[in-house]
Amino acid sequence: MASILSVCQGDGASKTQVVYQVNLNFHTVNRHLDLLLEKALIEILNGPPKRYKTTSKGEKALECLKKIEAIYC
């Protein structure tokens, strides 16, 4: 989830970019994107192609996830 949030920062990312940069398959990435959308951690930017962008709430969640990772790694 943290990797997807990271990839979608800035100008956002297409589903294909997420799949390749996070090393997931299309079936798996759909479930993750749906959950992140449901929790308002990412949003959809319309236009060809559809892009996913990390929201401000997602940015805060990513910061928390990085802090947790720093503690346990």
C-alpha atoms as a PDB file:
ATOM      1  CA  MET A   1       0.000   0.000   0.000  1.00  0.00           C
ATOM      2  CA  ALA A   2       2.818   2.400   0.873  1.00  0.00           C
ATOM      3  CA  SER A   3       4.483   1.691  -2.458  1.00  0.00           C
ATOM      4  CA  ILE A   4       1.283   2.461  -4.345  1.00  0.00           C
ATOM      5  CA  LEU A   5       0.789   5.700  -2.411  1.00  0.00           C
ATOM      6  CA  SER A   6       4.363   6.651  -3.197  1.00  0.00           C
ATOM      7  CA  VAL A   7       4.047   5.924  -6.923  1.00  0.00           C
ATOM      8  CA  CYS A   8       0.831   7.968  -7.107  1.00  0.00           C
ATOM      9  CA  GLN A   9       2.359  11.104  -5.563  1.00  0.00           C
ATOM     10  CA  GLY A  10       2.945  14.209  -7.667  1.00  0.00           C
ATOM     11  CA  ASP A  11       1.216  14.054 -11.033  1.00  0.00           C
ATOM     12  CA  GLY A  12      -0.324  10.670 -10.277  1.00  0.00           C
ATOM     13  CA  ALA A  13       0.183   7.359 -12.078  1.00  0.00           C
ATOM     14  CA  SER A  14      -1.731   5.182 -14.496  1.00  0.00           C
ATOM     15  CA  LYS A  15      -2.729   1.670 -13.475  1.00  0.00           C
ATOM     16  CA  THR A  16      -0.009   0.306 -15.768  1.00  0.00           C
ATOM     17  CA  GLN A  17       2.635   2.452 -14.074  1.00  0.00           C
ATOM     18  CA  VAL A  18       1.488   1.240 -10.658  1.00  0.00           C
ATOM     19  CA  VAL A  19       1.573  -2.408 -11.791  1.00  0.00           C
ATOM     20  CA  TYR A  20       5.121  -2.176 -13.112  1.00  0.00           C
ATOM     21  CA  GLN A  21       6.641   0.106 -10.470  1.00  0.00           C
ATOM     22  CA  VAL A  22       5.133  -1.776  -7.522  1.00  0.00           C
ATOM     23  CA  ASN A  23       5.612  -5.188  -9.160  1.00  0.00           C
ATOM     24  CA  LEU A  24       2.000  -6.377  -8.931  1.00  0.00           C
ATOM     25  CA  ASN A  25      -0.307  -7.954 -11.490  1.00  0.00           C
ATOM     26  CA  PHE A  26      -3.448  -6.247 -12.778  1.00  0.00           C
ATOM     27  CA  HIS A  27      -5.790  -8.474 -10.754  1.00  0.00           C
ATOM     28  CA  THR A  28      -4.021  -7.718  -7.478  1.00  0.00           C
ATOM     29  CA  VAL A  29      -3.569  -4.005  -8.127  1.00  0.00           C
ATOM     30  CA  ASN A  30      -7.323  -3.557  -8.688  1.00  0.00           C
ATOM     31  CA  ARG A  31      -8.094  -4.721  -5.138  1.00  0.00           C
ATOM     32  CA  HIS A  32      -5.456  -2.409  -3.652  1.00  0.00           C
ATOM     33  CA  LEU A  33      -6.569   0.601  -5.703  1.00  0.00           C
ATOM     34  CA  ASP A  34     -10.212  -0.033  -4.775  1.00  0.00           C
ATOM     35  CA  LEU A  35      -9.343  -0.096  -1.061  1.00  0.00           C
ATOM     36  CA  LEU A  36      -7.227   3.052  -1.296  1.00  0.00           C
ATOM     37  CA  LEU A  37     -10.037   4.809  -3.173  1.00  0.00           C
ATOM     38  CA  GLU A  38     -12.608   3.647  -0.607  1.00  0.00           C
ATOM     39  CA  LYS A  39     -10.478   5.060   2.216  1.00  0.00           C
ATOM     40  CA  ALA A  40      -9.914   8.329   0.269  1.00  0.00           C
ATOM     41  CA  LEU A  41      -6.144   7.831   0.264  1.00  0.00           C
ATOM     42  CA  ILE A  42      -6.029   8.196  -3.526  1.00  0.00           C
ATOM     43  CA  GLU A  43      -8.290   9.875  -6.060  1.00  0.00           C
ATOM     44  CA  ILE A  44      -8.911   9.386  -9.760  1.00  0.00           C
ATOM     45  CA  LEU A  45      -7.779  12.081 -12.161  1.00  0.00           C
ATOM     46  CA  ASN A  46      -9.943  11.880 -15.268  1.00  0.00           C
ATOM     47  CA  GLY A  47      -8.506  12.046 -18.732  1.00  0.00           C
ATOM     48  CA  PRO A  48      -6.817   9.707 -21.067  1.00  0.00           C
ATOM     49  CA  PRO A  49      -5.304   7.755 -19.459  1.00  0.00           C
ATOM     50  CA  LYS A  50      -7.065   7.601 -16.101  1.00  0.00           C
ATOM     51  CA  ARG A  51      -4.533   8.403 -13.377  1.00  0.00           C
ATOM     52  CA  TYR A  52      -4.504   7.763  -9.646  1.00  0.00           C
ATOM     53  CA  LYS A  53      -3.185  10.493  -7.349  1.00  0.00           C
ATOM     54  CA  THR A  54      -2.360  10.350  -3.657  1.00  0.00           C
ATOM     55  CA  THR A  55      -4.628  12.679  -1.637  1.00  0.00           C
ATOM     56  CA  SER A  56      -3.497  14.790   1.310  1.00  0.00           C
ATOM     57  CA  LYS A  57      -4.963  12.112   3.584  1.00  0.00           C
ATOM     58  CA  GLY A  58      -2.908   9.549   1.659  1.00  0.00           C
ATOM     59  CA  GLU A  59       0.226  11.669   2.093  1.00  0.00           C
ATOM     60  CA  LYS A  60      -0.304  11.663   5.865  1.00  0.00           C
ATOM     61  CA  ALA A  61      -0.894   7.906   5.854  1.00  0.00           C
ATOM     62  CA  LEU A  62       2.302   7.396   3.846  1.00  0.00           C
ATOM     63  CA  GLU A  63       4.285   9.462   6.362  1.00  0.00           C
ATOM     64  CA  CYS A  64       2.915   7.290   9.195  1.00  0.00           C
ATOM     65  CA  LEU A  65       3.734   4.086   7.311  1.00  0.00           C
ATOM     66  CA  LYS A  66       7.316   5.282   6.750  1.00  0.00           C
ATOM     67  CA  LYS A  67       7.687   6.048  10.468  1.00  0.00           C
ATOM     68  CA  ILE A  68       6.429   2.587  11.374  1.00  0.00           C
ATOM     69  CA  GLU A  69       8.800   1.003   8.857  1.00  0.00           C
ATOM     70  CA  ALA A  70      11.727   2.965  10.364  1.00  0.00           C
ATOM     71  CA  ILE A  71      10.913   1.592  13.815  1.00  0.00           C
ATOM     72  CA  TYR A  72      10.741  -2.048  12.728  1.00  0.00           C
ATOM     73  CA  CYS A  73      13.426  -2.184  10.042  1.00  0.00           C
END
